[in-house]
Amino acid sequence: MDNLIYEDNPWAYWRLPFLERQRIYKTSAAWTRGLPWSVHSTPVVFMLVFTGMLVAFTLPSTMSLGIFVATVFLVGIAVTAINPTKYQIFNDKIRIVLGFVLHFDIPFSSVENLSAATFHDLLGLNLNFINSYGSDDILRITRKRGAKIYITPNDRNLFLERLNKALTDWKGAGKM
């Protein structure tokens, strides 16, 4: 049975700016804090906007506004569905909740190492479930096989502490 041990929101999960004013300007990468989407959702947004514009320009002008509104609506849904909204630690896995329905699970049996990371570590083939690129917010999850996973919990140190405790408890229970 999955027991939720700890839950954290991504560092810069976009909200109304006045709700997180004290954290938005924390580091030199503050300009990335308010972006409504992150790098991994940019291709999806580009494809939806390009398709919407292509369809809108090929149809009569009376339908163009409807196509534009539908495109903006689809982009909003796609951005919400792709970006991480919660990081959860269970007794046997880490769950990254994307949007409101989708999730990505990382079982403890596949976790090799946990460490802090910087912006420069993001280069290469990785799974980046992050919404901001401040160098003091990124947590790297190294798996035994597969790509490294990067996340940005709101409080990296507390999240890492709880995750290490959950991993120790899991290993102590002999579930390796």
C-alpha atoms as a PDB file:
ATOM      1  CA  MET A   1       0.000   0.000   0.000  1.00  0.00           C
ATOM      2  CA  ASP A   2       1.328   3.426  -0.931  1.00  0.00           C
ATOM      3  CA  ASN A   3       1.618   5.772   2.024  1.00  0.00           C
ATOM      4  CA  LEU A   4       2.292   9.427   1.267  1.00  0.00           C
ATOM      5  CA  ILE A   5       5.212  10.573   3.421  1.00  0.00           C
ATOM      6  CA  TYR A   6       5.863  14.081   2.080  1.00  0.00           C
ATOM      7  CA  GLU A   7       4.493  16.356  -0.629  1.00  0.00           C
ATOM      8  CA  ASP A   8       6.124  19.435  -2.094  1.00  0.00           C
ATOM      9  CA  ASN A   9       5.210  21.902  -4.808  1.00  0.00           C
ATOM     10  CA  PRO A  10       7.712  22.815  -7.505  1.00  0.00           C
ATOM     11  CA  TRP A  11       9.753  25.863  -6.659  1.00  0.00           C
ATOM     12  CA  ALA A  12       8.342  28.185  -9.298  1.00  0.00           C
ATOM     13  CA  TYR A  13       5.106  26.508 -10.266  1.00  0.00           C
ATOM     14  CA  TRP A  14       3.482  29.541 -11.787  1.00  0.00           C
ATOM     15  CA  ARG A  15       0.864  31.237  -9.731  1.00  0.00           C
ATOM     16  CA  LEU A  16      -0.308  34.783  -9.433  1.00  0.00           C
ATOM     17  CA  PRO A  17       2.875  36.835  -8.920  1.00  0.00           C
ATOM     18  CA  PHE A  18       1.734  38.522  -5.703  1.00  0.00           C
ATOM     19  CA  LEU A  19       1.395  35.139  -3.950  1.00  0.00           C
ATOM     20  CA  GLU A  20       5.096  34.320  -4.222  1.00  0.00           C
ATOM     21  CA  ARG A  21       6.663  37.780  -4.348  1.00  0.00           C
ATOM     22  CA  GLN A  22       9.194  37.005  -1.619  1.00  0.00           C
ATOM     23  CA  ARG A  23      10.618  33.988  -3.499  1.00  0.00           C
ATOM     24  CA  ILE A  24      10.481  35.183  -7.113  1.00  0.00           C
ATOM     25  CA  TYR A  25      13.575  37.379  -6.961  1.00  0.00           C
ATOM     26  CA  LYS A  26      15.738  35.068  -4.879  1.00  0.00           C
ATOM     27  CA  THR A  27      18.536  34.322  -7.363  1.00  0.00           C
ATOM     28  CA  SER A  28      20.100  35.646 -10.535  1.00  0.00           C
ATOM     29  CA  ALA A  29      17.786  33.447 -12.615  1.00  0.00           C
ATOM     30  CA  ALA A  30      14.738  35.359 -11.410  1.00  0.00           C
ATOM     31  CA  TRP A  31      13.555  36.126 -14.942  1.00  0.00           C
ATOM     32  CA  THR A  32      12.795  32.422 -15.445  1.00  0.00           C
ATOM     33  CA  ARG A  33      10.635  32.211 -12.319  1.00  0.00           C
ATOM     34  CA  GLY A  34       7.553  33.761 -13.853  1.00  0.00           C
ATOM     35  CA  LEU A  35       7.496  31.861 -17.125  1.00  0.00           C
ATOM     36  CA  PRO A  36       4.194  30.032 -17.563  1.00  0.00           C
ATOM     37  CA  TRP A  37       5.918  27.053 -19.141  1.00  0.00           C
ATOM     38  CA  SER A  38       9.328  25.495 -19.006  1.00  0.00           C
ATOM     39  CA  VAL A  39      11.762  24.327 -21.638  1.00  0.00           C
ATOM     40  CA  HIS A  40      10.308  20.824 -21.944  1.00  0.00           C
ATOM     41  CA  SER A  41       6.872  22.163 -22.909  1.00  0.00           C
ATOM     42  CA  THR A  42       8.135  24.687 -25.484  1.00  0.00           C
ATOM     43  CA  PRO A  43       8.036  22.255 -28.468  1.00  0.00           C
ATOM     44  CA  VAL A  44       4.434  21.334 -27.644  1.00  0.00           C
ATOM     45  CA  VAL A  45       3.426  24.983 -27.377  1.00  0.00           C
ATOM     46  CA  PHE A  46       5.227  25.809 -30.635  1.00  0.00           C
ATOM     47  CA  MET A  47       3.531  22.957 -32.519  1.00  0.00           C
ATOM     48  CA  LEU A  48       0.054  23.888 -31.228  1.00  0.00           C
ATOM     49  CA  VAL A  49       0.479  27.583 -32.060  1.00  0.00           C
ATOM     50  CA  PHE A  50       1.936  26.814 -35.497  1.00  0.00           C
ATOM     51  CA  THR A  51      -0.909  24.411 -36.301  1.00  0.00           C
ATOM     52  CA  GLY A  52      -3.504  26.880 -35.058  1.00  0.00           C
ATOM     53  CA  MET A  53      -2.047  29.690 -37.150  1.00  0.00           C
ATOM     54  CA  LEU A  54      -1.821  27.458 -40.217  1.00  0.00           C
ATOM     55  CA  VAL A  55      -5.458  26.422 -39.887  1.00  0.00           C
ATOM     56  CA  ALA A  56      -6.598  29.979 -39.086  1.00  0.00           C
ATOM     57  CA  PHE A  57      -4.904  31.447 -42.179  1.00  0.00           C
ATOM     58  CA  THR A  58      -6.293  28.816 -44.533  1.00  0.00           C
ATOM     59  CA  LEU A  59      -9.919  29.223 -43.428  1.00  0.00           C
ATOM     60  CA  PRO A  60     -12.246  32.154 -44.084  1.00  0.00           C
ATOM     61  CA  SER A  61     -11.688  35.136 -41.797  1.00  0.00           C
ATOM     62  CA  THR A  62     -14.967  34.550 -39.930  1.00  0.00           C
ATOM     63  CA  MET A  63     -13.619  31.280 -38.501  1.00  0.00           C
ATOM     64  CA  SER A  64     -10.109  32.560 -37.731  1.00  0.00           C
ATOM     65  CA  LEU A  65     -11.033  34.044 -34.370  1.00  0.00           C
ATOM     66  CA  GLY A  66     -12.614  30.760 -33.256  1.00  0.00           C
ATOM     67  CA  ILE A  67      -9.524  28.820 -34.326  1.00  0.00           C
ATOM     68  CA  PHE A  68      -7.301  31.295 -32.478  1.00  0.00           C
ATOM     69  CA  VAL A  69      -9.351  30.974 -29.267  1.00  0.00           C
ATOM     70  CA  ALA A  70      -9.318  27.170 -29.565  1.00  0.00           C
ATOM     71  CA  THR A  71      -5.527  27.244 -30.067  1.00  0.00           C
ATOM     72  CA  VAL A  72      -5.000  29.384 -26.963  1.00  0.00           C
ATOM     73  CA  PHE A  73      -7.256  27.017 -24.992  1.00  0.00           C
ATOM     74  CA  LEU A  74      -5.324  23.937 -26.203  1.00  0.00           C
ATOM     75  CA  VAL A  75      -1.981  25.567 -25.369  1.00  0.00           C
ATOM     76  CA  GLY A  76      -3.236  26.285 -21.847  1.00  0.00           C
ATOM     77  CA  ILE A  77      -4.352  22.689 -21.386  1.00  0.00           C
ATOM     78  CA  ALA A  78      -1.074  21.311 -22.808  1.00  0.00           C
ATOM     79  CA  VAL A  79       1.088  23.518 -20.578  1.00  0.00           C
ATOM     80  CA  THR A  80      -0.940  22.552 -17.517  1.00  0.00           C
ATOM     81  CA  ALA A  81      -0.774  18.843 -18.391  1.00  0.00           C
ATOM     82  CA  ILE A  82       3.001  18.773 -18.999  1.00  0.00           C
ATOM     83  CA  ASN A  83       4.404  20.898 -16.169  1.00  0.00           C
ATOM     84  CA  PRO A  84       5.009  19.339 -12.762  1.00  0.00           C
ATOM     85  CA  THR A  85       2.613  20.505 -10.054  1.00  0.00           C
ATOM     86  CA  LYS A  86       3.658  18.271  -7.131  1.00  0.00           C
ATOM     87  CA  TYR A  87       6.567  16.131  -6.021  1.00  0.00           C
ATOM     88  CA  GLN A  88       5.457  13.356  -3.674  1.00  0.00           C
ATOM     89  CA  ILE A  89       7.472  10.912  -1.588  1.00  0.00           C
ATOM     90  CA  PHE A  90       5.751   7.619  -0.868  1.00  0.00           C
ATOM     91  CA  ASN A  91       7.101   4.748   1.227  1.00  0.00           C
ATOM     92  CA  ASP A  92       8.424   2.974  -1.902  1.00  0.00           C
ATOM     93  CA  LYS A  93       8.642   5.564  -4.704  1.00  0.00           C
ATOM     94  CA  ILE A  94       8.895   9.183  -5.744  1.00  0.00           C
ATOM     95  CA  ARG A  95       5.950  10.508  -7.737  1.00  0.00           C
ATOM     96  CA  ILE A  96       6.093  13.553  -9.983  1.00  0.00           C
ATOM     97  CA  VAL A  97       2.554  14.766 -10.651  1.00  0.00           C
ATOM     98  CA  LEU A  98       2.187  16.451 -14.033  1.00  0.00           C
ATOM     99  CA  GLY A  99      -0.786  18.733 -14.405  1.00  0.00           C
ATOM    100  CA  PHE A 100      -3.772  17.323 -12.588  1.00  0.00           C
ATOM    101  CA  VAL A 101      -4.023  13.764 -13.922  1.00  0.00           C
ATOM    102  CA  LEU A 102      -0.692  12.472 -15.256  1.00  0.00           C
ATOM    103  CA  HIS A 103       2.163  11.298 -13.053  1.00  0.00           C
ATOM    104  CA  PHE A 104       5.650   9.816 -13.355  1.00  0.00           C
ATOM    105  CA  ASP A 105       6.809   7.300 -10.729  1.00  0.00           C
ATOM    106  CA  ILE A 106      10.409   6.554  -9.748  1.00  0.00           C
ATOM    107  CA  PRO A 107      10.614   3.382  -7.622  1.00  0.00           C
ATOM    108  CA  PHE A 108      13.191   3.403  -4.836  1.00  0.00           C
ATOM    109  CA  SER A 109      14.661   0.206  -6.262  1.00  0.00           C
ATOM    110  CA  SER A 110      15.908   2.191  -9.269  1.00  0.00           C
ATOM    111  CA  VAL A 111      17.361   5.148  -7.318  1.00  0.00           C
ATOM    112  CA  GLU A 112      21.146   5.093  -7.078  1.00  0.00           C
ATOM    113  CA  ASN A 113      21.990   8.555  -5.783  1.00  0.00           C
ATOM    114  CA  LEU A 114      20.428  11.866  -4.759  1.00  0.00           C
ATOM    115  CA  SER A 115      22.328  15.131  -4.924  1.00  0.00           C
ATOM    116  CA  ALA A 116      22.087  18.866  -5.434  1.00  0.00           C
ATOM    117  CA  ALA A 117      22.649  20.076  -8.971  1.00  0.00           C
ATOM    118  CA  THR A 118      23.291  23.320 -10.812  1.00  0.00           C
ATOM    119  CA  PHE A 119      22.046  24.833 -14.028  1.00  0.00           C
ATOM    120  CA  HIS A 120      25.102  23.512 -15.910  1.00  0.00           C
ATOM    121  CA  ASP A 121      24.229  19.914 -14.980  1.00  0.00           C
ATOM    122  CA  LEU A 122      21.041  20.146 -17.052  1.00  0.00           C
ATOM    123  CA  LEU A 123      22.949  19.824 -20.313  1.00  0.00           C
ATOM    124  CA  GLY A 124      22.704  16.451 -22.008  1.00  0.00           C
ATOM    125  CA  LEU A 125      20.021  13.816 -22.178  1.00  0.00           C
ATOM    126  CA  ASN A 126      18.090  14.080 -18.926  1.00  0.00           C
ATOM    127  CA  LEU A 127      14.501  14.095 -17.763  1.00  0.00           C
ATOM    128  CA  ASN A 128      13.925  17.639 -16.551  1.00  0.00           C
ATOM    129  CA  PHE A 129      10.765  17.976 -14.466  1.00  0.00           C
ATOM    130  CA  ILE A 130      11.604  21.516 -13.468  1.00  0.00           C
ATOM    131  CA  ASN A 131       9.917  24.873 -13.759  1.00  0.00           C
ATOM    132  CA  SER A 132      12.820  27.136 -12.856  1.00  0.00           C
ATOM    133  CA  TYR A 133      16.525  27.182 -13.495  1.00  0.00           C
ATOM    134  CA  GLY A 134      18.019  28.736 -10.375  1.00  0.00           C
ATOM    135  CA  SER A 135      21.255  26.994  -9.470  1.00  0.00           C
ATOM    136  CA  ASP A 136      20.327  26.609  -5.806  1.00  0.00           C
ATOM    137  CA  ASP A 137      17.002  24.849  -6.335  1.00  0.00           C
ATOM    138  CA  ILE A 138      17.717  21.813  -8.504  1.00  0.00           C
ATOM    139  CA  LEU A 139      17.789  18.240  -7.163  1.00  0.00           C
ATOM    140  CA  ARG A 140      19.277  15.392  -9.217  1.00  0.00           C
ATOM    141  CA  ILE A 141      17.936  11.844  -8.930  1.00  0.00           C
ATOM    142  CA  THR A 142      20.421   9.408 -10.443  1.00  0.00           C
ATOM    143  CA  ARG A 143      18.860   6.114 -11.410  1.00  0.00           C
ATOM    144  CA  LYS A 144      20.676   2.792 -11.700  1.00  0.00           C
ATOM    145  CA  ARG A 145      19.616   2.544 -15.336  1.00  0.00           C
ATOM    146  CA  GLY A 146      18.187   5.309 -17.427  1.00  0.00           C
ATOM    147  CA  ALA A 147      18.462   9.055 -17.637  1.00  0.00           C
ATOM    148  CA  LYS A 148      19.071  11.294 -14.659  1.00  0.00           C
ATOM    149  CA  ILE A 149      15.997  13.121 -13.406  1.00  0.00           C
ATOM    150  CA  TYR A 150      16.041  16.744 -12.284  1.00  0.00           C
ATOM    151  CA  ILE A 151      13.366  18.361 -10.124  1.00  0.00           C
ATOM    152  CA  THR A 152      12.997  21.678  -8.286  1.00  0.00           C
ATOM    153  CA  PRO A 153      11.182  21.216  -4.970  1.00  0.00           C
ATOM    154  CA  ASN A 154      10.189  24.327  -3.057  1.00  0.00           C
ATOM    155  CA  ASP A 155      12.583  23.497  -0.207  1.00  0.00           C
ATOM    156  CA  ARG A 156      15.325  21.319  -1.654  1.00  0.00           C
ATOM    157  CA  ASN A 157      17.048  20.622   1.660  1.00  0.00           C
ATOM    158  CA  LEU A 158      13.859  19.529   3.431  1.00  0.00           C
ATOM    159  CA  PHE A 159      12.790  17.429   0.431  1.00  0.00           C
ATOM    160  CA  LEU A 160      16.234  15.776   0.277  1.00  0.00           C
ATOM    161  CA  GLU A 161      16.146  15.106   4.025  1.00  0.00           C
ATOM    162  CA  ARG A 162      12.704  13.488   3.848  1.00  0.00           C
ATOM    163  CA  LEU A 163      13.654  11.519   0.745  1.00  0.00           C
ATOM    164  CA  ASN A 164      16.853  10.185   2.326  1.00  0.00           C
ATOM    165  CA  LYS A 165      14.877   9.164   5.426  1.00  0.00           C
ATOM    166  CA  ALA A 166      12.275   7.389   3.278  1.00  0.00           C
ATOM    167  CA  LEU A 167      15.033   5.595   1.334  1.00  0.00           C
ATOM    168  CA  THR A 168      16.732   4.534   4.582  1.00  0.00           C
ATOM    169  CA  ASP A 169      13.437   3.240   5.996  1.00  0.00           C
ATOM    170  CA  TRP A 170      12.726   1.402   2.746  1.00  0.00           C
ATOM    171  CA  LYS A 171      16.174  -0.221   2.716  1.00  0.00           C
ATOM    172  CA  GLY A 172      15.822  -1.081   6.419  1.00  0.00           C
ATOM    173  CA  ALA A 173      12.589  -2.912   5.680  1.00  0.00           C
ATOM    174  CA  GLY A 174      14.535  -5.202   3.329  1.00  0.00           C
ATOM    175  CA  LYS A 175      12.680  -4.286   0.151  1.00  0.00           C
ATOM    176  CA  MET A 176      15.792  -3.913  -1.977  1.00  0.00           C
END
